[in-house]
Protein backbone atom coordinates (compact mmCIF):
# COMPACT_ATOMS: atom_id res chain seq x y z
CA MET A 1 -50.71 60.53 221.08
CA GLY A 2 -49.65 57.46 223.05
CA PHE A 3 -47.09 57.14 225.79
CA VAL A 4 -44.16 54.76 225.73
CA THR A 5 -43.00 53.25 229.01
CA ILE A 6 -39.59 51.64 229.24
CA PRO A 7 -39.80 48.17 230.78
CA GLN A 8 -36.91 46.68 232.73
CA VAL A 9 -36.79 43.42 230.77
CA CYS A 10 -34.81 43.75 227.54
CA PRO A 11 -32.35 46.55 226.69
CA THR A 12 -32.70 45.88 222.95
CA LYS A 13 -36.47 46.33 223.11
CA ASN A 14 -36.00 49.45 225.26
CA ALA A 15 -33.95 51.11 222.51
CA ASP A 16 -36.57 50.10 219.92
CA LEU A 17 -39.36 51.60 222.08
CA LEU A 18 -37.42 54.80 222.62
CA ARG A 19 -36.73 55.18 218.89
CA SER A 20 -40.47 54.87 218.24
CA ALA A 21 -41.21 57.83 220.54
CA ASP A 22 -41.32 61.42 219.37
CA THR A 23 -40.44 62.94 222.74
CA ALA A 24 -39.47 61.61 226.17
CA LEU A 25 -40.99 63.31 229.23
CA TYR A 26 -38.93 63.33 232.42
CA GLY A 27 -39.04 64.75 235.88
CA ARG A 28 -35.80 66.15 237.29
CA ILE A 29 -34.63 63.00 239.06
CA THR A 30 -35.21 60.70 236.10
CA TYR A 31 -33.56 63.21 233.78
CA GLN A 32 -30.51 63.36 236.02
CA LEU A 33 -30.36 59.55 236.05
CA MET A 34 -30.55 59.49 232.25
CA GLU A 35 -27.46 61.72 232.04
CA PHE A 36 -25.51 58.50 232.69
CA TRP A 37 -26.14 57.47 229.09
CA ARG A 38 -24.02 60.37 227.82
CA THR A 39 -20.98 58.67 229.35
CA VAL A 40 -21.86 55.47 227.48
CA LEU A 41 -22.27 57.46 224.27
CA GLU A 42 -18.85 59.09 224.74
CA ASN A 43 -17.17 55.83 225.84
CA PRO A 44 -19.05 52.85 224.34
CA THR A 45 -19.10 49.77 226.55
CA GLY A 46 -18.96 47.16 223.81
CA ASP A 47 -22.34 45.85 224.98
CA LYS A 48 -24.50 46.36 221.87
CA ALA A 49 -27.77 46.77 223.80
CA MET A 50 -26.34 49.41 226.16
CA ASP A 51 -24.55 51.28 223.38
CA ASP A 52 -27.68 51.26 221.17
CA PHE A 53 -29.80 52.55 224.06
CA ALA A 54 -27.32 55.41 224.62
CA VAL A 55 -27.64 56.40 220.95
CA ALA A 56 -31.45 56.17 221.14
CA ILE A 57 -31.53 58.40 224.24
CA ASP A 58 -29.25 60.93 222.56
CA ASN A 59 -31.41 61.10 219.42
CA THR A 60 -34.75 61.46 221.22
CA SER A 61 -36.19 64.88 222.02
CA LYS A 62 -36.65 65.37 225.74
CA ILE A 63 -38.80 67.60 227.93
CA VAL A 64 -37.92 67.92 231.62
CA PHE A 65 -40.51 69.12 234.12
CA SER A 66 -38.74 70.67 237.10
CA ARG A 67 -39.00 73.73 239.27
CA THR A 68 -35.48 73.26 240.65
CA LEU A 69 -33.29 72.17 237.71
CA GLN A 70 -31.10 75.09 236.67
CA HIS A 71 -29.95 73.85 233.25
CA VAL A 72 -30.13 70.85 230.95
CA ASP A 73 -27.09 69.43 229.22
CA LEU A 74 -28.49 66.60 227.13
CA THR A 75 -29.59 67.63 223.67
CA PRO A 76 -32.18 67.98 222.33
CA THR A 77 -33.86 68.89 225.65
CA ARG A 78 -36.26 71.57 226.80
CA SER A 79 -36.82 72.37 230.44
CA LEU A 80 -40.19 73.57 231.73
CA SER A 81 -40.29 75.14 235.17
CA LYS A 82 -43.83 76.52 235.03
CA PHE A 83 -46.49 74.15 233.85
CA ILE A 84 -50.16 73.30 234.16
CA PHE A 85 -51.37 69.75 233.77
CA ALA A 86 -54.78 69.12 232.28
CA SER A 87 -56.20 65.64 232.24
CA SER A 88 -59.31 64.06 230.83
CA PHE A 89 -59.04 61.06 233.16
């Protein structure tokens, strides 16, 4: 499985990259920042790139790693508060 990183250069490409991912992995802070896109989904801006990215975020499965986050509102999202990382690096 590969990882997709979202570059800061082109919103249209960001939505394409996100749509190609199976699941997005977030920490608490990034997840809370991504909640902004729900407002764009509910009230489209008219900017095609931003509106498309909001739809892509909404349609992508999400896993949030946090020991302090009490609940997640974006769907589909799972929250993991107890986790073990294993790496072959």
